[in-house]
Amino acid sequence: MKKENNKHKFYRVYANLPLNLRSEIILVLPGKGPITWNVAYLEIENETELGEIILEKLEALQII
């Protein structure tokens, strides 16, 4: 349930971002490198393991 709630929060924030900000880096993950809003969207949308990590980190940083 929490994962789904985080997904909805992410989509809400992402939808309200100006298009030019979606290519900005929001996270840098060890071993994975920089993550932009667009990369985060693709990973979360496809429900990858990296997408779950991104959601956890964004919530921890209170971005979503």
C-alpha atoms as a PDB file:
ATOM      1  CA  MET A   1       0.000   0.000   0.000  1.00  0.00           C
ATOM      2  CA  LYS A   2       2.779   2.429   0.894  1.00  0.00           C
ATOM      3  CA  LYS A   3       4.502   1.712  -2.435  1.00  0.00           C
ATOM      4  CA  GLU A   4       1.309   2.576  -4.337  1.00  0.00           C
ATOM      5  CA  ASN A   5       0.859   5.723  -2.254  1.00  0.00           C
ATOM      6  CA  ASN A   6       4.426   6.789  -3.088  1.00  0.00           C
ATOM      7  CA  LYS A   7       3.785   6.123  -6.782  1.00  0.00           C
ATOM      8  CA  HIS A   8       0.731   8.373  -6.706  1.00  0.00           C
ATOM      9  CA  LYS A   9       2.671  11.105  -4.899  1.00  0.00           C
ATOM     10  CA  PHE A  10       5.480  10.823  -7.460  1.00  0.00           C
ATOM     11  CA  TYR A  11       3.061  11.048 -10.402  1.00  0.00           C
ATOM     12  CA  ARG A  12       1.380  14.092  -8.865  1.00  0.00           C
ATOM     13  CA  VAL A  13       4.721  15.907  -8.429  1.00  0.00           C
ATOM     14  CA  TYR A  14       5.951  14.815 -11.875  1.00  0.00           C
ATOM     15  CA  ALA A  15       2.760  16.002 -13.590  1.00  0.00           C
ATOM     16  CA  ASN A  16       3.143  19.470 -12.061  1.00  0.00           C
ATOM     17  CA  LEU A  17       6.786  19.901 -13.085  1.00  0.00           C
ATOM     18  CA  PRO A  18       7.575  22.256 -15.945  1.00  0.00           C
ATOM     19  CA  LEU A  19       8.749  20.223 -18.954  1.00  0.00           C
ATOM     20  CA  ASN A  20      12.252  21.696 -18.926  1.00  0.00           C
ATOM     21  CA  LEU A  21      12.808  20.589 -15.296  1.00  0.00           C
ATOM     22  CA  ARG A  22      12.087  16.946 -16.058  1.00  0.00           C
ATOM     23  CA  SER A  23      15.609  16.502 -17.408  1.00  0.00           C
ATOM     24  CA  GLU A  24      17.153  17.791 -14.155  1.00  0.00           C
ATOM     25  CA  ILE A  25      19.011  15.413 -11.834  1.00  0.00           C
ATOM     26  CA  ILE A  26      17.118  14.622  -8.630  1.00  0.00           C
ATOM     27  CA  LEU A  27      19.207  11.765  -7.203  1.00  0.00           C
ATOM     28  CA  VAL A  28      22.680  10.318  -7.495  1.00  0.00           C
ATOM     29  CA  LEU A  29      22.730   6.647  -6.586  1.00  0.00           C
ATOM     30  CA  PRO A  30      25.978   4.794  -5.883  1.00  0.00           C
ATOM     31  CA  GLY A  31      26.692   2.400  -8.706  1.00  0.00           C
ATOM     32  CA  LYS A  32      23.798   3.738 -10.774  1.00  0.00           C
ATOM     33  CA  GLY A  33      24.792   7.364 -11.313  1.00  0.00           C
ATOM     34  CA  PRO A  34      22.573  10.410 -11.722  1.00  0.00           C
ATOM     35  CA  ILE A  35      18.809   9.966 -11.931  1.00  0.00           C
ATOM     36  CA  THR A  36      16.655  12.582 -13.658  1.00  0.00           C
ATOM     37  CA  TRP A  37      12.908  13.021 -13.289  1.00  0.00           C
ATOM     38  CA  ASN A  38      12.440  11.361 -16.700  1.00  0.00           C
ATOM     39  CA  VAL A  39      14.554   8.335 -15.758  1.00  0.00           C
ATOM     40  CA  ALA A  40      12.706   8.069 -12.444  1.00  0.00           C
ATOM     41  CA  TYR A  41       9.370   8.158 -14.278  1.00  0.00           C
ATOM     42  CA  LEU A  42      10.382   5.346 -16.645  1.00  0.00           C
ATOM     43  CA  GLU A  43      11.742   3.154 -13.851  1.00  0.00           C
ATOM     44  CA  ILE A  44       8.721   3.703 -11.605  1.00  0.00           C
ATOM     45  CA  GLU A  45       6.236   3.234 -14.458  1.00  0.00           C
ATOM     46  CA  ASN A  46       7.865  -0.088 -15.417  1.00  0.00           C
ATOM     47  CA  GLU A  47       7.967  -1.178 -11.758  1.00  0.00           C
ATOM     48  CA  THR A  48      11.672  -2.046 -11.809  1.00  0.00           C
ATOM     49  CA  GLU A  49      13.826  -2.693  -8.766  1.00  0.00           C
ATOM     50  CA  LEU A  50      15.566   0.623  -9.436  1.00  0.00           C
ATOM     51  CA  GLY A  51      12.143   2.302  -9.503  1.00  0.00           C
ATOM     52  CA  GLU A  52      11.414   1.029  -6.002  1.00  0.00           C
ATOM     53  CA  ILE A  53      14.779   2.340  -4.765  1.00  0.00           C
ATOM     54  CA  ILE A  54      14.071   5.720  -6.364  1.00  0.00           C
ATOM     55  CA  LEU A  55      10.668   5.935  -4.663  1.00  0.00           C
ATOM     56  CA  GLU A  56      12.198   5.099  -1.275  1.00  0.00           C
ATOM     57  CA  LYS A  57      14.942   7.711  -1.682  1.00  0.00           C
ATOM     58  CA  LEU A  58      12.566  10.428  -2.898  1.00  0.00           C
ATOM     59  CA  GLU A  59      10.289   9.854   0.067  1.00  0.00           C
ATOM     60  CA  ALA A  60      13.225   9.837   2.495  1.00  0.00           C
ATOM     61  CA  LEU A  61      14.398  13.160   1.045  1.00  0.00           C
ATOM     62  CA  GLN A  62      10.807  14.491   1.285  1.00  0.00           C
ATOM     63  CA  ILE A  63      10.734  15.279  -2.426  1.00  0.00           C
ATOM     64  CA  ILE A  64       7.473  13.361  -2.734  1.00  0.00           C
END
